[in-house]
Amino acid sequence: MKPNYYRIIMDCVEAGCRSGVNRARKHTDEPTYEDIEIHIENAIRMEIMEKFYFPEDINQNETNNTEL
């Protein structure tokens, strides 16, 4: 069995857009374009991070290992 990554990411983007717009409008009826954009970006990022595990940056690990 193989996951459909495209579908998973599309679901994250769609849910993040809905959630981000709702969050932007939570405290004001007329949020600025920048506020909406920031809330949507953060919501999409959170949705993706719930579905995928991202290991630490490889370059950072290599640097840390050489210091030991």
N, C-alpha and C. Protein backbone atom coordinates (compact mmCIF):
# COMPACT_ATOMS: atom_id res chain seq x y z
N MET A 1 0.85 -1.16 0.00
CA MET A 1 0.00 0.00 0.00
C MET A 1 0.90 1.24 0.00
N LYS A 2 0.52 2.22 -0.78
CA LYS A 2 1.29 3.45 -0.90
C LYS A 2 0.37 4.65 -0.71
N PRO A 3 0.75 5.60 0.15
CA PRO A 3 -0.12 6.77 0.35
C PRO A 3 -0.14 7.69 -0.86
N ASN A 4 -1.24 8.37 -1.05
CA ASN A 4 -1.38 9.35 -2.11
C ASN A 4 -0.98 10.71 -1.53
N TYR A 5 0.31 11.03 -1.64
CA TYR A 5 0.83 12.25 -1.03
C TYR A 5 0.17 13.51 -1.59
N TYR A 6 -0.12 13.50 -2.86
CA TYR A 6 -0.77 14.66 -3.48
C TYR A 6 -2.12 14.93 -2.80
N ARG A 7 -2.90 13.89 -2.61
CA ARG A 7 -4.22 14.04 -1.98
C ARG A 7 -4.09 14.50 -0.53
N ILE A 8 -3.12 13.95 0.19
CA ILE A 8 -2.91 14.33 1.59
C ILE A 8 -2.53 15.80 1.68
N ILE A 9 -1.61 16.24 0.83
CA ILE A 9 -1.19 17.64 0.85
C ILE A 9 -2.33 18.55 0.43
N MET A 10 -3.10 18.16 -0.58
CA MET A 10 -4.25 18.97 -1.00
C MET A 10 -5.26 19.11 0.14
N ASP A 11 -5.49 18.03 0.88
CA ASP A 11 -6.40 18.10 2.02
C ASP A 11 -5.87 19.07 3.07
N CYS A 12 -4.56 19.04 3.30
CA CYS A 12 -3.93 19.95 4.26
C CYS A 12 -4.09 21.40 3.82
N VAL A 13 -3.88 21.66 2.54
CA VAL A 13 -3.98 23.03 2.02
C VAL A 13 -5.43 23.52 2.11
N GLU A 14 -6.38 22.68 1.71
CA GLU A 14 -7.79 23.08 1.77
C GLU A 14 -8.23 23.34 3.21
N ALA A 15 -7.89 22.44 4.12
CA ALA A 15 -8.27 22.62 5.52
C ALA A 15 -7.57 23.84 6.12
N GLY A 16 -6.30 24.02 5.75
CA GLY A 16 -5.54 25.17 6.25
C GLY A 16 -6.10 26.49 5.76
N CYS A 17 -6.55 26.54 4.52
CA CYS A 17 -7.15 27.77 3.98
C CYS A 17 -8.44 28.11 4.73
N ARG A 18 -9.28 27.12 4.91
CA ARG A 18 -10.54 27.36 5.64
C ARG A 18 -10.26 27.81 7.07
N SER A 19 -9.38 27.09 7.73
CA SER A 19 -9.04 27.39 9.12
C SER A 19 -8.37 28.76 9.24
N GLY A 20 -7.46 29.06 8.33
CA GLY A 20 -6.74 30.33 8.37
C GLY A 20 -7.65 31.53 8.19
N VAL A 21 -8.59 31.44 7.27
CA VAL A 21 -9.54 32.53 7.05
C VAL A 21 -10.42 32.70 8.29
N ASN A 22 -10.87 31.59 8.87
CA ASN A 22 -11.69 31.67 10.08
C ASN A 22 -10.92 32.31 11.23
N ARG A 23 -9.64 31.94 11.38
CA ARG A 23 -8.83 32.53 12.45
C ARG A 23 -8.59 34.02 12.21
N ALA A 24 -8.38 34.40 10.97
CA ALA A 24 -8.14 35.80 10.66
C ALA A 24 -9.38 36.64 10.99
N ARG A 25 -10.56 36.05 10.85
CA ARG A 25 -11.80 36.78 11.11
C ARG A 25 -12.30 36.60 12.54
N LYS A 26 -11.55 35.90 13.35
CA LYS A 26 -11.99 35.60 14.71
C LYS A 26 -12.17 36.86 15.56
N HIS A 27 -11.26 37.80 15.45
CA HIS A 27 -11.31 38.98 16.30
C HIS A 27 -11.69 40.26 15.56
N THR A 28 -11.83 40.18 14.26
CA THR A 28 -12.22 41.36 13.48
C THR A 28 -13.05 40.94 12.27
N ASP A 29 -14.00 41.75 11.91
CA ASP A 29 -14.85 41.44 10.75
C ASP A 29 -14.17 41.75 9.43
N GLU A 30 -13.17 42.64 9.46
CA GLU A 30 -12.49 43.03 8.23
C GLU A 30 -10.97 42.95 8.43
N PRO A 31 -10.41 41.73 8.43
CA PRO A 31 -8.96 41.61 8.58
C PRO A 31 -8.24 42.11 7.33
N THR A 32 -7.01 42.55 7.51
CA THR A 32 -6.22 43.00 6.36
C THR A 32 -5.80 41.79 5.53
N TYR A 33 -5.40 42.06 4.31
CA TYR A 33 -4.91 40.99 3.42
C TYR A 33 -3.72 40.29 4.07
N GLU A 34 -2.82 41.06 4.67
CA GLU A 34 -1.63 40.48 5.31
C GLU A 34 -2.01 39.58 6.48
N ASP A 35 -3.00 39.98 7.27
CA ASP A 35 -3.45 39.14 8.39
C ASP A 35 -4.01 37.81 7.88
N ILE A 36 -4.83 37.89 6.83
CA ILE A 36 -5.39 36.66 6.26
C ILE A 36 -4.28 35.77 5.74
N GLU A 37 -3.34 36.35 5.03
CA GLU A 37 -2.22 35.60 4.46
C GLU A 37 -1.42 34.90 5.55
N ILE A 38 -1.10 35.61 6.62
CA ILE A 38 -0.31 35.03 7.72
C ILE A 38 -1.06 33.88 8.38
N HIS A 39 -2.36 34.07 8.64
CA HIS A 39 -3.15 33.02 9.29
C HIS A 39 -3.29 31.79 8.40
N ILE A 40 -3.45 32.00 7.10
CA ILE A 40 -3.55 30.86 6.18
C ILE A 40 -2.23 30.10 6.12
N GLU A 41 -1.11 30.81 6.01
CA GLU A 41 0.20 30.14 5.97
C GLU A 41 0.42 29.31 7.23
N ASN A 42 0.14 29.89 8.39
CA ASN A 42 0.33 29.17 9.65
C ASN A 42 -0.58 27.95 9.75
N ALA A 43 -1.82 28.09 9.32
CA ALA A 43 -2.77 26.98 9.39
C ALA A 43 -2.37 25.85 8.46
N ILE A 44 -1.91 26.18 7.25
CA ILE A 44 -1.46 25.13 6.32
C ILE A 44 -0.24 24.42 6.90
N ARG A 45 0.70 25.19 7.43
CA ARG A 45 1.89 24.60 8.03
C ARG A 45 1.52 23.64 9.17
N MET A 46 0.57 24.05 10.01
CA MET A 46 0.15 23.19 11.12
C MET A 46 -0.52 21.91 10.61
N GLU A 47 -1.34 22.03 9.59
CA GLU A 47 -2.00 20.85 9.02
C GLU A 47 -0.97 19.86 8.48
N ILE A 48 0.02 20.37 7.76
CA ILE A 48 1.05 19.49 7.18
C ILE A 48 1.89 18.85 8.28
N MET A 49 2.23 19.62 9.30
CA MET A 49 3.05 19.08 10.39
C MET A 49 2.30 18.03 11.21
N GLU A 50 0.97 18.05 11.18
CA GLU A 50 0.19 17.01 11.85
C GLU A 50 0.23 15.70 11.08
N LYS A 51 0.42 15.79 9.77
CA LYS A 51 0.38 14.59 8.92
C LYS A 51 1.75 14.00 8.60
N PHE A 52 2.80 14.84 8.66
CA PHE A 52 4.14 14.40 8.26
C PHE A 52 5.14 14.68 9.37
N TYR A 53 6.12 13.81 9.49
CA TYR A 53 7.21 14.00 10.43
C TYR A 53 8.40 14.55 9.66
N PHE A 54 8.97 15.65 10.14
CA PHE A 54 10.13 16.25 9.50
C PHE A 54 11.33 16.12 10.43
N PRO A 55 12.30 15.28 10.08
CA PRO A 55 13.49 15.17 10.92
C PRO A 55 14.27 16.48 10.90
N GLU A 56 15.13 16.64 11.87
CA GLU A 56 15.93 17.86 11.94
C GLU A 56 16.75 18.02 10.67
N ASP A 57 17.17 19.24 10.43
CA ASP A 57 17.96 19.56 9.24
C ASP A 57 19.23 18.71 9.22
N ILE A 58 19.51 18.05 8.11
CA ILE A 58 20.66 17.16 7.99
C ILE A 58 21.96 17.93 8.19
N ASN A 59 22.08 19.11 7.60
CA ASN A 59 23.30 19.89 7.76
C ASN A 59 23.55 20.27 9.21
N GLN A 60 22.50 20.58 9.93
CA GLN A 60 22.65 20.91 11.34
C GLN A 60 23.12 19.70 12.12
N ASN A 61 22.61 18.51 11.80
CA ASN A 61 23.04 17.29 12.49
C ASN A 61 24.51 17.00 12.22
N GLU A 62 24.95 17.19 10.98
CA GLU A 62 26.34 16.94 10.64
C GLU A 62 27.25 17.89 11.41
N THR A 63 26.87 19.14 11.53
CA THR A 63 27.65 20.12 12.27
C THR A 63 27.73 19.73 13.74
N ASN A 64 26.60 19.34 14.32
CA ASN A 64 26.58 18.96 15.73
C ASN A 64 27.41 17.71 15.99
N ASN A 65 27.40 16.75 15.06
CA ASN A 65 28.15 15.52 15.26
C ASN A 65 29.65 15.76 15.19
N THR A 66 30.11 16.70 14.41
CA THR A 66 31.54 16.94 14.30
C THR A 66 32.07 17.67 15.53
N GLU A 67 31.18 18.37 16.26
CA GLU A 67 31.59 19.10 17.45
C GLU A 67 31.77 18.18 18.64
N LEU A 68 31.21 16.98 18.61
CA LEU A 68 31.29 16.06 19.74
C LEU A 68 32.62 15.43 19.86
